[in-house]
C-alpha atoms as a PDB file:
ATOM      1  CA  UNK A   1     -74.831 104.918  64.416  1.00  0.00           C
ATOM      2  CA  UNK A   2     -77.920 103.662  62.713  1.00  0.00           C
ATOM      3  CA  UNK A   3     -80.409 101.242  64.353  1.00  0.00           C
ATOM      4  CA  UNK A   4     -79.155  98.616  61.966  1.00  0.00           C
ATOM      5  CA  UNK A   5     -75.497  99.250  63.028  1.00  0.00           C
ATOM      6  CA  UNK A   6     -76.647  99.129  66.656  1.00  0.00           C
ATOM      7  CA  UNK A   7     -78.403  95.878  66.306  1.00  0.00           C
ATOM      8  CA  UNK A   8     -75.408  94.257  64.512  1.00  0.00           C
ATOM      9  CA  UNK A   9     -73.060  95.722  66.997  1.00  0.00           C
ATOM     10  CA  UNK A  10     -75.077  94.267  69.865  1.00  0.00           C
ATOM     11  CA  UNK A  11     -75.224  90.849  68.279  1.00  0.00           C
ATOM     12  CA  UNK A  12     -71.472  90.839  67.815  1.00  0.00           C
ATOM     13  CA  UNK A  13     -71.112  91.824  71.429  1.00  0.00           C
ATOM     14  CA  UNK A  14     -73.550  89.014  72.496  1.00  0.00           C
ATOM     15  CA  UNK A  15     -71.623  86.466  70.444  1.00  0.00           C
ATOM     16  CA  UNK A  16     -68.335  87.442  72.121  1.00  0.00           C
ATOM     17  CA  UNK A  17     -69.783  87.321  75.557  1.00  0.00           C
ATOM     18  CA  UNK A  18     -71.588  84.073  75.112  1.00  0.00           C
ATOM     19  CA  UNK A  19     -68.261  82.514  73.580  1.00  0.00           C
ATOM     20  CA  UNK A  20     -66.109  84.083  76.299  1.00  0.00           C
ATOM     21  CA  UNK A  21     -63.922  85.567  73.671  1.00  0.00           C
ATOM     22  CA  UNK A  22     -63.746  89.406  73.615  1.00  0.00           C
ATOM     23  CA  UNK A  23     -61.349  89.305  70.648  1.00  0.00           C
ATOM     24  CA  UNK A  24     -63.581  87.016  68.424  1.00  0.00           C
ATOM     25  CA  UNK A  25     -63.815  88.219  64.936  1.00  0.00           C
ATOM     26  CA  UNK A  26     -67.537  88.467  64.104  1.00  0.00           C
ATOM     27  CA  UNK A  27     -68.264  89.872  60.854  1.00  0.00           C
ATOM     28  CA  UNK A  28     -71.721  90.861  59.320  1.00  0.00           C
ATOM     29  CA  UNK A  29     -71.629  87.699  57.170  1.00  0.00           C
ATOM     30  CA  UNK A  30     -70.056  85.401  59.675  1.00  0.00           C
ATOM     31  CA  UNK A  31     -71.873  82.069  59.900  1.00  0.00           C
ATOM     32  CA  UNK A  32     -72.604  81.186  63.415  1.00  0.00           C
ATOM     33  CA  UNK A  33     -71.416  77.677  62.825  1.00  0.00           C
ATOM     34  CA  UNK A  34     -68.053  78.888  61.829  1.00  0.00           C
ATOM     35  CA  UNK A  35     -67.625  80.691  65.156  1.00  0.00           C
ATOM     36  CA  UNK A  36     -64.776  78.911  67.337  1.00  0.00           C
ATOM     37  CA  UNK A  37     -66.740  77.269  70.235  1.00  0.00           C
ATOM     38  CA  UNK A  38     -70.105  77.418  68.508  1.00  0.00           C
ATOM     39  CA  UNK A  39     -72.429  74.587  69.744  1.00  0.00           C
ATOM     40  CA  UNK A  40     -75.997  74.054  70.924  1.00  0.00           C
ATOM     41  CA  UNK A  41     -75.207  75.744  74.298  1.00  0.00           C
ATOM     42  CA  UNK A  42     -73.900  78.693  72.425  1.00  0.00           C
ATOM     43  CA  UNK A  43     -76.996  78.804  70.247  1.00  0.00           C
ATOM     44  CA  UNK A  44     -79.310  78.921  73.284  1.00  0.00           C
ATOM     45  CA  UNK A  45     -77.157  81.508  75.047  1.00  0.00           C
ATOM     46  CA  UNK A  46     -77.025  83.870  71.995  1.00  0.00           C
ATOM     47  CA  UNK A  47     -80.653  83.381  71.367  1.00  0.00           C
ATOM     48  CA  UNK A  48     -81.682  84.127  74.847  1.00  0.00           C
ATOM     49  CA  UNK A  49     -79.253  86.989  75.317  1.00  0.00           C
ATOM     50  CA  UNK A  50     -80.559  88.584  71.990  1.00  0.00           C
ATOM     51  CA  UNK A  51     -84.289  88.037  73.019  1.00  0.00           C
ATOM     52  CA  UNK A  52     -83.454  89.706  76.468  1.00  0.00           C
ATOM     53  CA  UNK A  53     -81.476  92.573  74.856  1.00  0.00           C
ATOM     54  CA  UNK A  54     -84.163  93.355  72.361  1.00  0.00           C
ATOM     55  CA  UNK A  55     -87.125  92.626  74.281  1.00  0.00           C
ATOM     56  CA  UNK A  56     -88.530  90.063  71.907  1.00  0.00           C
ATOM     57  CA  UNK A  57     -89.028  86.150  71.568  1.00  0.00           C
ATOM     58  CA  UNK A  58     -87.944  84.329  68.370  1.00  0.00           C
ATOM     59  CA  UNK A  59     -89.761  81.143  67.244  1.00  0.00           C
ATOM     60  CA  UNK A  60     -87.741  78.030  66.465  1.00  0.00           C
ATOM     61  CA  UNK A  61     -88.325  78.600  62.666  1.00  0.00           C
ATOM     62  CA  UNK A  62     -86.822  81.992  62.984  1.00  0.00           C
ATOM     63  CA  UNK A  63     -83.757  80.577  65.003  1.00  0.00           C
ATOM     64  CA  UNK A  64     -83.244  77.948  62.412  1.00  0.00           C
ATOM     65  CA  UNK A  65     -83.309  80.711  59.669  1.00  0.00           C
ATOM     66  CA  UNK A  66     -80.500  82.722  61.389  1.00  0.00           C
ATOM     67  CA  UNK A  67     -77.451  81.008  59.803  1.00  0.00           C
ATOM     68  CA  UNK A  68     -75.285  84.138  59.781  1.00  0.00           C
ATOM     69  CA  UNK A  69     -74.864  87.168  62.041  1.00  0.00           C
ATOM     70  CA  UNK A  70     -76.694  89.471  59.501  1.00  0.00           C
ATOM     71  CA  UNK A  71     -79.750  87.033  59.394  1.00  0.00           C
ATOM     72  CA  UNK A  72     -80.297  87.371  63.130  1.00  0.00           C
ATOM     73  CA  UNK A  73     -79.817  91.063  62.874  1.00  0.00           C
ATOM     74  CA  UNK A  74     -82.380  91.296  60.101  1.00  0.00           C
ATOM     75  CA  UNK A  75     -84.818  89.235  62.164  1.00  0.00           C
ATOM     76  CA  UNK A  76     -84.396  91.366  65.081  1.00  0.00           C
ATOM     77  CA  UNK A  77     -84.958  94.606  63.170  1.00  0.00           C
ATOM     78  CA  UNK A  78     -87.970  93.178  61.457  1.00  0.00           C
ATOM     79  CA  UNK A  79     -89.458  92.134  64.794  1.00  0.00           C
ATOM     80  CA  UNK A  80     -88.936  95.437  66.344  1.00  0.00           C
ATOM     81  CA  UNK A  81     -90.743  97.277  63.626  1.00  0.00           C
ATOM     82  CA  UNK A  82     -93.951  95.380  64.018  1.00  0.00           C
END
């Protein structure tokens, strides 16, 4: 598994955990807004869990840019290589 695959898999797991749906279909190009149960509480939960999991802090601007799952994965990978 590549680092990119690992980041993506972790974000999928975070989404499933935060939305309390282990069977939730979360694809690479899934828009967060399209996930069943997605709301402001889910945004906060996913962001906080991702920050904790990857040991980083995302700015409000970065969070707003993450419309899809792969957007967040790219942000995480970019921040981890700085």
